[in-house]
C-alpha atoms as a PDB file:
ATOM      1  CA  MET A   1       0.000   0.000   0.000  1.00  0.00           C
ATOM      2  CA  SER A   2       1.585   3.234  -1.096  1.00  0.00           C
ATOM      3  CA  SER A   3       1.254   6.648   0.495  1.00  0.00           C
ATOM      4  CA  THR A   4       1.007   9.949  -1.403  1.00  0.00           C
ATOM      5  CA  ALA A   5       1.482  13.331   0.239  1.00  0.00           C
ATOM      6  CA  THR A   6       1.932  16.898  -0.989  1.00  0.00           C
ATOM      7  CA  TYR A   7       4.294  19.407   0.605  1.00  0.00           C
ATOM      8  CA  LYS A   8       4.983  23.127   0.179  1.00  0.00           C
ATOM      9  CA  ILE A   9       8.575  23.954  -0.758  1.00  0.00           C
ATOM     10  CA  SER A  10      10.050  27.451  -0.553  1.00  0.00           C
ATOM     11  CA  GLY A  11      12.568  28.779  -3.070  1.00  0.00           C
ATOM     12  CA  MET A  12      11.856  26.804  -6.262  1.00  0.00           C
ATOM     13  CA  THR A  13      11.758  29.071  -9.328  1.00  0.00           C
ATOM     14  CA  CYS A  14      12.589  26.953 -12.398  1.00  0.00           C
ATOM     15  CA  GLY A  15      12.936  23.533 -13.967  1.00  0.00           C
ATOM     16  CA  HIS A  16      16.410  23.099 -12.483  1.00  0.00           C
ATOM     17  CA  CYS A  17      14.931  23.657  -9.009  1.00  0.00           C
ATOM     18  CA  GLU A  18      12.259  21.046  -9.703  1.00  0.00           C
ATOM     19  CA  GLY A  19      14.890  18.533 -10.795  1.00  0.00           C
ATOM     20  CA  ALA A  20      17.111  19.143  -7.775  1.00  0.00           C
ATOM     21  CA  VAL A  21      14.280  18.696  -5.272  1.00  0.00           C
ATOM     22  CA  SER A  22      12.731  15.742  -7.107  1.00  0.00           C
ATOM     23  CA  SER A  23      16.010  13.832  -7.400  1.00  0.00           C
ATOM     24  CA  GLU A  24      17.033  14.338  -3.748  1.00  0.00           C
ATOM     25  CA  VAL A  25      13.611  13.239  -2.465  1.00  0.00           C
ATOM     26  CA  ALA A  26      13.399  10.332  -4.951  1.00  0.00           C
ATOM     27  CA  ALA A  27      16.662   8.998  -3.484  1.00  0.00           C
ATOM     28  CA  LEU A  28      15.058   8.496  -0.059  1.00  0.00           C
ATOM     29  CA  PRO A  29      14.393   4.844   0.858  1.00  0.00           C
ATOM     30  CA  GLY A  30      10.884   3.744  -0.083  1.00  0.00           C
ATOM     31  CA  VAL A  31      10.109   6.682  -2.391  1.00  0.00           C
ATOM     32  CA  THR A  32       8.622   5.511  -5.701  1.00  0.00           C
ATOM     33  CA  GLU A  33       7.915   8.948  -7.195  1.00  0.00           C
ATOM     34  CA  ALA A  34       8.729  12.578  -6.395  1.00  0.00           C
ATOM     35  CA  LYS A  35       7.423  15.449  -8.532  1.00  0.00           C
ATOM     36  CA  ALA A  36       8.224  19.065  -7.733  1.00  0.00           C
ATOM     37  CA  GLU A  37       6.465  21.970  -9.465  1.00  0.00           C
ATOM     38  CA  ALA A  38       8.128  25.377  -9.275  1.00  0.00           C
ATOM     39  CA  ALA A  39       5.012  27.218 -10.483  1.00  0.00           C
ATOM     40  CA  THR A  40       2.977  26.056  -7.484  1.00  0.00           C
ATOM     41  CA  GLY A  41       5.828  25.453  -5.021  1.00  0.00           C
ATOM     42  CA  LEU A  42       4.443  21.977  -4.393  1.00  0.00           C
ATOM     43  CA  LEU A  43       6.155  18.615  -4.108  1.00  0.00           C
ATOM     44  CA  THR A  44       4.097  15.439  -4.463  1.00  0.00           C
ATOM     45  CA  VAL A  45       5.725  12.309  -3.059  1.00  0.00           C
ATOM     46  CA  THR A  46       4.561   8.728  -3.453  1.00  0.00           C
ATOM     47  CA  SER A  47       6.266   6.228  -1.175  1.00  0.00           C
ATOM     48  CA  GLU A  48       5.839   2.697   0.118  1.00  0.00           C
ATOM     49  CA  SER A  49       5.050   4.108   3.552  1.00  0.00           C
ATOM     50  CA  PRO A  50       4.656   7.659   4.932  1.00  0.00           C
ATOM     51  CA  LEU A  51       7.945   9.582   5.166  1.00  0.00           C
ATOM     52  CA  THR A  52       9.114  11.222   8.343  1.00  0.00           C
ATOM     53  CA  GLU A  53       9.232  14.993   8.165  1.00  0.00           C
ATOM     54  CA  GLU A  54      12.861  14.816   9.310  1.00  0.00           C
ATOM     55  CA  ALA A  55      13.894  12.640   6.332  1.00  0.00           C
ATOM     56  CA  LEU A  56      11.984  14.796   3.871  1.00  0.00           C
ATOM     57  CA  ARG A  57      13.332  18.051   5.337  1.00  0.00           C
ATOM     58  CA  GLY A  58      16.887  16.695   5.081  1.00  0.00           C
ATOM     59  CA  ALA A  59      16.491  15.839   1.392  1.00  0.00           C
ATOM     60  CA  VAL A  60      14.899  19.199   0.547  1.00  0.00           C
ATOM     61  CA  ASP A  61      17.631  21.036   2.511  1.00  0.00           C
ATOM     62  CA  GLU A  62      20.288  19.029   0.642  1.00  0.00           C
ATOM     63  CA  ALA A  63      18.801  20.274  -2.642  1.00  0.00           C
ATOM     64  CA  GLY A  64      19.080  23.857  -1.337  1.00  0.00           C
ATOM     65  CA  TYR A  65      15.426  24.599  -0.587  1.00  0.00           C
ATOM     66  CA  GLU A  66      13.153  24.756   2.444  1.00  0.00           C
ATOM     67  CA  LEU A  67      10.330  22.454   3.395  1.00  0.00           C
ATOM     68  CA  VAL A  68       7.492  24.708   4.587  1.00  0.00           C
ATOM     69  CA  GLY A  69       5.164  21.869   5.576  1.00  0.00           C
ATOM     70  CA  GLN A  70       2.449  19.574   4.346  1.00  0.00           C
ATOM     71  CA  ALA A  71       0.133  21.234   1.816  1.00  0.00           C
END
């Protein structure tokens, strides 16, 4: 059973931003899909089980952006 959640990300402005956030989050264990959209500032994550906010925040920080919270 997979889990899908949407989060608000601060600082994304272009396709490069989307790619950086998506690839960092997609690398987390259990994540099957991560899609960031700069236009809306949203990140949709599908994973095998719900992610911890700590793990997600770490990946978004690594990409150079800020996790605002669940949308």
